[in-house]
Amino acid sequence: MRNNDEKKRQKLINKLIFLNVYNKEDHKLYELPLSKLEYEYRRFKLQNHPHGEFGSIQWV
């Protein structure tokens, strides 16, 4: 189970780096627990979703 958590953690770290949420050289990123990484990823997705509240298409 610990191995699965570590794989999931590494995937989230890679996604957050790819999405420019964190810099690759930011050592704090590698120290964050899995729950915090999941929170940061969800927060990014909600803020940047194309159909989100403020960036959505508005019918006139």
N, C-alpha and C. Protein backbone atom coordinates (compact mmCIF):
# COMPACT_ATOMS: atom_id res chain seq x y z
N MET A 1 0.83 -1.19 0.00
CA MET A 1 0.00 0.00 0.00
C MET A 1 0.87 1.26 0.00
N ARG A 2 1.94 1.23 0.74
CA ARG A 2 2.83 2.39 0.80
C ARG A 2 3.43 2.69 -0.57
N ASN A 3 3.73 1.63 -1.32
CA ASN A 3 4.29 1.80 -2.66
C ASN A 3 3.29 2.50 -3.58
N ASN A 4 2.00 2.14 -3.47
CA ASN A 4 0.97 2.79 -4.27
C ASN A 4 0.84 4.27 -3.93
N ASP A 5 0.94 4.59 -2.64
CA ASP A 5 0.87 5.99 -2.22
C ASP A 5 2.05 6.77 -2.77
N GLU A 6 3.20 6.15 -2.78
CA GLU A 6 4.39 6.83 -3.29
C GLU A 6 4.28 7.06 -4.80
N LYS A 7 3.74 6.10 -5.53
CA LYS A 7 3.53 6.27 -6.97
C LYS A 7 2.53 7.39 -7.24
N LYS A 8 1.46 7.41 -6.47
CA LYS A 8 0.44 8.44 -6.62
C LYS A 8 1.03 9.82 -6.31
N ARG A 9 1.85 9.87 -5.26
CA ARG A 9 2.52 11.10 -4.87
C ARG A 9 3.42 11.61 -6.00
N GLN A 10 4.18 10.71 -6.60
CA GLN A 10 5.09 11.10 -7.67
C GLN A 10 4.32 11.57 -8.90
N LYS A 11 3.20 10.93 -9.21
CA LYS A 11 2.37 11.37 -10.35
C LYS A 11 1.84 12.78 -10.12
N LEU A 12 1.37 13.04 -8.91
CA LEU A 12 0.85 14.37 -8.60
C LEU A 12 1.95 15.42 -8.66
N ILE A 13 3.12 15.09 -8.16
CA ILE A 13 4.26 16.01 -8.24
C ILE A 13 4.57 16.33 -9.70
N ASN A 14 4.61 15.32 -10.54
CA ASN A 14 4.89 15.53 -11.96
C ASN A 14 3.82 16.40 -12.61
N LYS A 15 2.56 16.16 -12.28
CA LYS A 15 1.47 16.97 -12.85
C LYS A 15 1.57 18.42 -12.40
N LEU A 16 1.85 18.64 -11.12
CA LEU A 16 1.95 20.00 -10.60
C LEU A 16 3.13 20.75 -11.21
N ILE A 17 4.21 20.05 -11.49
CA ILE A 17 5.35 20.68 -12.16
C ILE A 17 4.98 20.99 -13.61
N PHE A 18 4.35 20.05 -14.29
CA PHE A 18 3.95 20.23 -15.69
C PHE A 18 2.98 21.41 -15.85
N LEU A 19 2.08 21.56 -14.88
CA LEU A 19 1.09 22.63 -14.94
C LEU A 19 1.62 23.96 -14.41
N ASN A 20 2.90 23.99 -14.08
CA ASN A 20 3.56 25.20 -13.57
C ASN A 20 2.97 25.71 -12.26
N VAL A 21 2.41 24.81 -11.48
CA VAL A 21 1.93 25.17 -10.15
C VAL A 21 3.14 25.30 -9.23
N TYR A 22 4.09 24.40 -9.40
CA TYR A 22 5.34 24.42 -8.64
C TYR A 22 6.50 24.35 -9.61
N ASN A 23 7.63 24.86 -9.17
CA ASN A 23 8.85 24.79 -9.93
C ASN A 23 9.56 23.48 -9.61
N LYS A 24 10.23 22.90 -10.57
CA LYS A 24 10.93 21.63 -10.37
C LYS A 24 11.99 21.73 -9.27
N GLU A 25 12.59 22.91 -9.12
CA GLU A 25 13.63 23.10 -8.13
C GLU A 25 13.09 23.40 -6.74
N ASP A 26 11.78 23.52 -6.61
CA ASP A 26 11.17 23.82 -5.32
C ASP A 26 11.20 22.57 -4.44
N HIS A 27 12.08 22.57 -3.48
CA HIS A 27 12.27 21.38 -2.64
C HIS A 27 11.11 21.15 -1.68
N LYS A 28 10.33 22.19 -1.39
CA LYS A 28 9.15 22.02 -0.53
C LYS A 28 8.16 21.05 -1.15
N LEU A 29 8.07 21.08 -2.46
CA LEU A 29 7.13 20.22 -3.17
C LEU A 29 7.35 18.75 -2.84
N TYR A 30 8.58 18.33 -2.76
CA TYR A 30 8.91 16.93 -2.52
C TYR A 30 8.70 16.52 -1.06
N GLU A 31 8.47 17.49 -0.20
CA GLU A 31 8.25 17.21 1.21
C GLU A 31 6.77 17.21 1.59
N LEU A 32 5.91 17.65 0.67
CA LEU A 32 4.48 17.73 0.96
C LEU A 32 3.86 16.34 1.08
N PRO A 33 2.93 16.17 2.02
CA PRO A 33 2.24 14.89 2.13
C PRO A 33 1.27 14.69 0.97
N LEU A 34 0.87 13.46 0.76
CA LEU A 34 -0.03 13.11 -0.34
C LEU A 34 -1.32 13.92 -0.28
N SER A 35 -1.89 14.08 0.89
CA SER A 35 -3.15 14.82 1.02
C SER A 35 -3.01 16.27 0.55
N LYS A 36 -1.90 16.90 0.86
CA LYS A 36 -1.67 18.29 0.43
C LYS A 36 -1.47 18.36 -1.08
N LEU A 37 -0.77 17.39 -1.65
CA LEU A 37 -0.59 17.36 -3.10
C LEU A 37 -1.92 17.19 -3.81
N GLU A 38 -2.78 16.31 -3.28
CA GLU A 38 -4.11 16.12 -3.86
C GLU A 38 -4.93 17.40 -3.77
N TYR A 39 -4.83 18.08 -2.64
CA TYR A 39 -5.55 19.34 -2.46
C TYR A 39 -5.08 20.38 -3.47
N GLU A 40 -3.79 20.53 -3.62
CA GLU A 40 -3.23 21.51 -4.56
C GLU A 40 -3.65 21.21 -6.00
N TYR A 41 -3.66 19.94 -6.37
CA TYR A 41 -4.05 19.55 -7.72
C TYR A 41 -5.54 19.84 -7.96
N ARG A 42 -6.39 19.47 -6.99
CA ARG A 42 -7.83 19.75 -7.11
C ARG A 42 -8.09 21.25 -7.19
N ARG A 43 -7.39 22.01 -6.37
CA ARG A 43 -7.57 23.47 -6.36
C ARG A 43 -7.19 24.07 -7.71
N PHE A 44 -6.09 23.61 -8.29
CA PHE A 44 -5.67 24.10 -9.60
C PHE A 44 -6.72 23.77 -10.65
N LYS A 45 -7.21 22.53 -10.64
CA LYS A 45 -8.20 22.12 -11.64
C LYS A 45 -9.48 22.94 -11.53
N LEU A 46 -9.93 23.20 -10.31
CA LEU A 46 -11.15 23.99 -10.12
C LEU A 46 -10.97 25.43 -10.58
N GLN A 47 -9.82 26.01 -10.29
CA GLN A 47 -9.56 27.40 -10.66
C GLN A 47 -9.36 27.59 -12.15
N ASN A 48 -8.89 26.57 -12.84
CA ASN A 48 -8.53 26.71 -14.24
C ASN A 48 -9.40 25.90 -15.18
N HIS A 49 -10.50 25.41 -14.69
CA HIS A 49 -11.39 24.62 -15.54
C HIS A 49 -12.06 25.55 -16.55
N PRO A 50 -12.11 25.18 -17.83
CA PRO A 50 -12.68 26.06 -18.86
C PRO A 50 -14.17 26.31 -18.68
N HIS A 51 -14.86 25.48 -17.93
CA HIS A 51 -16.29 25.68 -17.71
C HIS A 51 -16.56 26.11 -16.27
N GLY A 52 -15.54 26.67 -15.65
CA GLY A 52 -15.69 27.12 -14.27
C GLY A 52 -16.58 28.35 -14.18
N GLU A 53 -16.80 28.80 -13.00
CA GLU A 53 -17.74 29.88 -12.73
C GLU A 53 -17.40 31.17 -13.48
N PHE A 54 -16.16 31.62 -13.43
CA PHE A 54 -15.82 32.91 -14.01
C PHE A 54 -15.35 32.83 -15.45
N GLY A 55 -14.83 31.69 -15.86
CA GLY A 55 -14.32 31.58 -17.22
C GLY A 55 -15.28 30.85 -18.14
N SER A 56 -16.51 30.66 -17.72
CA SER A 56 -17.43 29.87 -18.52
C SER A 56 -18.05 30.69 -19.63
N ILE A 57 -18.59 29.99 -20.60
CA ILE A 57 -19.28 30.61 -21.71
C ILE A 57 -20.63 31.12 -21.20
N GLN A 58 -20.93 32.33 -21.49
CA GLN A 58 -22.19 32.93 -21.04
C GLN A 58 -23.13 33.11 -22.23
N TRP A 59 -24.35 32.65 -22.09
CA TRP A 59 -25.35 32.84 -23.12
C TRP A 59 -26.00 34.20 -22.93
N VAL A 60 -26.12 34.96 -24.01
CA VAL A 60 -26.70 36.30 -23.93
C VAL A 60 -28.06 36.30 -24.57
